[in-house]
């Protein structure tokens, strides 16, 4: 079996794996295998074929993966939990990370919550911003309240 055939087999395997998984994992290597097969057909040395395979695969991965991921994920709908990130919530039970307690309400739902700052307790009634979700707990940060000007009149 010559090197051109081997590279073509690698190309087909990469394409078949990509078709099965649809995970954008091996398509980049298929491009590298195609270029390496052409190099083998031109009787270029094996070290150059391998170098071309690696270089083309990495360049394709670097240049096209972000565009492909964006294109394939454009119709992805956030789950209910993911859509909470960035929203405001109200503390209904004091948040104290050291004691492992705290709850907030957002969208008429109650959630267990933790503060982004382990050293800061958030009292009941505080307005917080949801920064992340860890398991079933919301990770929140106290909302900075803008000065209204009345605070400086005393």
Protein backbone atom coordinates (compact mmCIF):
# COMPACT_ATOMS: atom_id res chain seq x y z
CA UNK A 1 0.00 0.00 0.00
CA UNK A 2 1.51 3.36 -0.98
CA UNK A 3 1.45 6.58 1.05
CA UNK A 4 -1.18 8.22 -1.15
CA UNK A 5 -3.60 5.40 -0.37
CA UNK A 6 -2.87 5.65 3.35
CA UNK A 7 -3.57 9.40 3.35
CA UNK A 8 -6.79 8.84 1.40
CA UNK A 9 -7.88 6.23 3.96
CA UNK A 10 -7.18 8.73 6.75
CA UNK A 11 -9.21 11.31 4.81
CA UNK A 12 -12.19 8.96 4.48
CA UNK A 13 -12.00 7.90 8.14
CA UNK A 14 -11.98 11.56 9.25
CA UNK A 15 -15.00 12.34 7.08
CA UNK A 16 -16.92 9.28 8.28
CA UNK A 17 -16.19 10.10 11.95
CA UNK A 18 -17.33 13.67 11.32
CA UNK A 19 -20.55 12.51 9.68
CA UNK A 20 -21.28 10.18 12.58
CA UNK A 21 -20.50 12.63 15.38
CA UNK A 22 -21.32 16.00 13.74
CA UNK A 23 -19.13 17.51 16.44
CA UNK A 24 -16.70 19.49 14.28
CA UNK A 25 -13.84 17.40 15.58
CA UNK A 26 -12.21 15.62 12.65
CA UNK A 27 -13.16 17.66 9.59
CA UNK A 28 -10.03 19.81 10.03
CA UNK A 29 -7.83 16.72 9.83
CA UNK A 30 -9.61 15.60 6.67
CA UNK A 31 -8.33 18.76 4.97
CA UNK A 32 -4.82 18.04 6.20
CA UNK A 33 -5.05 14.45 4.98
CA UNK A 34 -6.17 15.65 1.53
CA UNK A 35 -3.13 17.93 1.21
CA UNK A 36 -0.85 15.16 2.50
CA UNK A 37 -2.34 12.75 -0.09
CA UNK A 38 -1.58 15.26 -2.85
CA UNK A 39 1.97 15.61 -1.48
CA UNK A 40 2.33 11.81 -1.51
CA UNK A 41 1.04 11.64 -5.09
CA UNK A 42 3.77 14.16 -6.01
CA UNK A 43 6.32 11.85 -4.32
CA UNK A 44 7.31 14.40 -1.71
CA UNK A 45 9.16 12.98 1.33
CA UNK A 46 7.18 11.47 4.21
CA UNK A 47 8.41 14.09 6.71
CA UNK A 48 7.03 16.84 4.46
CA UNK A 49 3.71 15.00 4.07
CA UNK A 50 3.36 14.76 7.85
CA UNK A 51 4.38 18.41 8.27
CA UNK A 52 1.81 19.48 5.65
CA UNK A 53 -0.87 17.33 7.31
CA UNK A 54 -0.25 18.92 10.71
CA UNK A 55 0.16 22.47 9.41
CA UNK A 56 -2.95 22.44 7.20
CA UNK A 57 -5.03 20.78 9.93
CA UNK A 58 -4.00 23.37 12.51
CA UNK A 59 -4.51 26.30 10.15
CA UNK A 60 -7.98 25.04 9.21
CA UNK A 61 -8.81 24.50 12.85
CA UNK A 62 -7.60 27.98 13.84
CA UNK A 63 -9.17 29.90 10.96
CA UNK A 64 -12.47 28.14 10.38
CA UNK A 65 -13.58 26.59 13.66
CA UNK A 66 -14.83 29.84 15.28
CA UNK A 67 -16.87 30.65 12.17
CA UNK A 68 -18.23 27.10 11.91
CA UNK A 69 -19.15 26.93 15.59
CA UNK A 70 -20.94 30.28 15.33
CA UNK A 71 -22.79 29.15 12.20
CA UNK A 72 -23.83 25.77 13.63
CA UNK A 73 -24.85 27.21 17.03
CA UNK A 74 -26.86 30.18 15.76
CA UNK A 75 -30.20 28.44 16.31
CA UNK A 76 -29.24 27.15 19.75
CA UNK A 77 -31.81 28.21 22.31
CA UNK A 78 -30.69 28.90 25.84
CA UNK A 79 -32.24 26.75 28.51
CA UNK A 80 -34.41 28.44 31.12
CA UNK A 81 -31.56 28.41 33.60
CA UNK A 82 -29.03 29.87 31.15
CA UNK A 83 -31.39 32.71 30.33
CA UNK A 84 -31.26 33.85 33.98
CA UNK A 85 -27.63 34.98 33.76
CA UNK A 86 -27.55 38.78 33.75
CA UNK A 87 -31.03 39.18 35.24
CA UNK A 88 -31.85 40.81 38.56
CA UNK A 89 -33.09 38.88 41.57
CA UNK A 90 -34.22 39.77 45.10
CA UNK A 91 -32.66 38.16 48.17
CA UNK A 92 -35.42 36.46 50.21
CA UNK A 93 -33.13 34.65 52.67
CA UNK A 94 -29.78 36.13 53.72
CA UNK A 95 -26.91 34.90 51.55
CA UNK A 96 -23.90 33.81 53.59
CA UNK A 97 -21.41 31.63 51.73
CA UNK A 98 -19.58 30.63 54.89
CA UNK A 99 -22.78 29.16 56.36
CA UNK A 100 -23.93 27.87 52.99
CA UNK A 101 -27.29 29.62 53.15
CA UNK A 102 -29.20 31.98 50.92
CA UNK A 103 -32.11 32.21 48.55
CA UNK A 104 -33.27 34.61 45.88
CA UNK A 105 -36.40 34.98 43.85
CA UNK A 106 -36.35 35.65 40.14
CA UNK A 107 -39.24 35.35 37.75
CA UNK A 108 -41.54 34.16 40.57
CA UNK A 109 -39.19 31.24 41.22
CA UNK A 110 -37.08 30.66 44.30
CA UNK A 111 -33.46 29.59 43.88
CA UNK A 112 -30.66 28.74 46.27
CA UNK A 113 -27.94 31.31 45.87
CA UNK A 114 -24.33 32.08 46.67
CA UNK A 115 -22.47 35.36 46.49
CA UNK A 116 -19.51 35.92 44.19
CA UNK A 117 -17.72 37.29 47.27
CA UNK A 118 -17.30 34.71 50.05
CA UNK A 119 -16.64 37.46 52.61
CA UNK A 120 -19.80 39.44 51.97
CA UNK A 121 -23.24 38.67 53.38
CA UNK A 122 -26.22 39.86 51.35
CA UNK A 123 -29.24 40.83 53.47
CA UNK A 124 -32.89 40.12 52.72
CA UNK A 125 -34.28 42.63 50.23
CA UNK A 126 -31.00 43.21 48.41
CA UNK A 127 -31.14 43.48 44.65
CA UNK A 128 -28.57 41.20 43.02
CA UNK A 129 -27.42 40.38 39.50
CA UNK A 130 -27.15 36.73 38.50
CA UNK A 131 -23.60 36.18 37.25
CA UNK A 132 -23.51 32.39 36.77
CA UNK A 133 -25.14 29.10 37.61
CA UNK A 134 -23.32 26.35 39.48
CA UNK A 135 -25.34 23.16 39.65
CA UNK A 136 -28.68 24.24 41.12
CA UNK A 137 -27.39 27.44 42.74
CA UNK A 138 -27.32 30.90 41.29
CA UNK A 139 -24.08 32.80 41.75
CA UNK A 140 -25.04 36.41 42.42
CA UNK A 141 -23.43 39.77 42.95
CA UNK A 142 -24.93 42.75 44.75
CA UNK A 143 -26.22 45.33 42.30
CA UNK A 144 -24.51 48.68 42.52
CA UNK A 145 -27.19 51.27 43.22
CA UNK A 146 -26.60 54.59 41.44
CA UNK A 147 -26.36 57.72 43.54
CA UNK A 148 -29.49 59.86 43.23
CA UNK A 149 -27.94 63.06 44.53
CA UNK A 150 -30.03 63.03 47.71
CA UNK A 151 -27.25 61.24 49.60
CA UNK A 152 -24.96 64.28 49.29
CA UNK A 153 -27.50 66.86 50.55
CA UNK A 154 -27.00 66.07 54.26
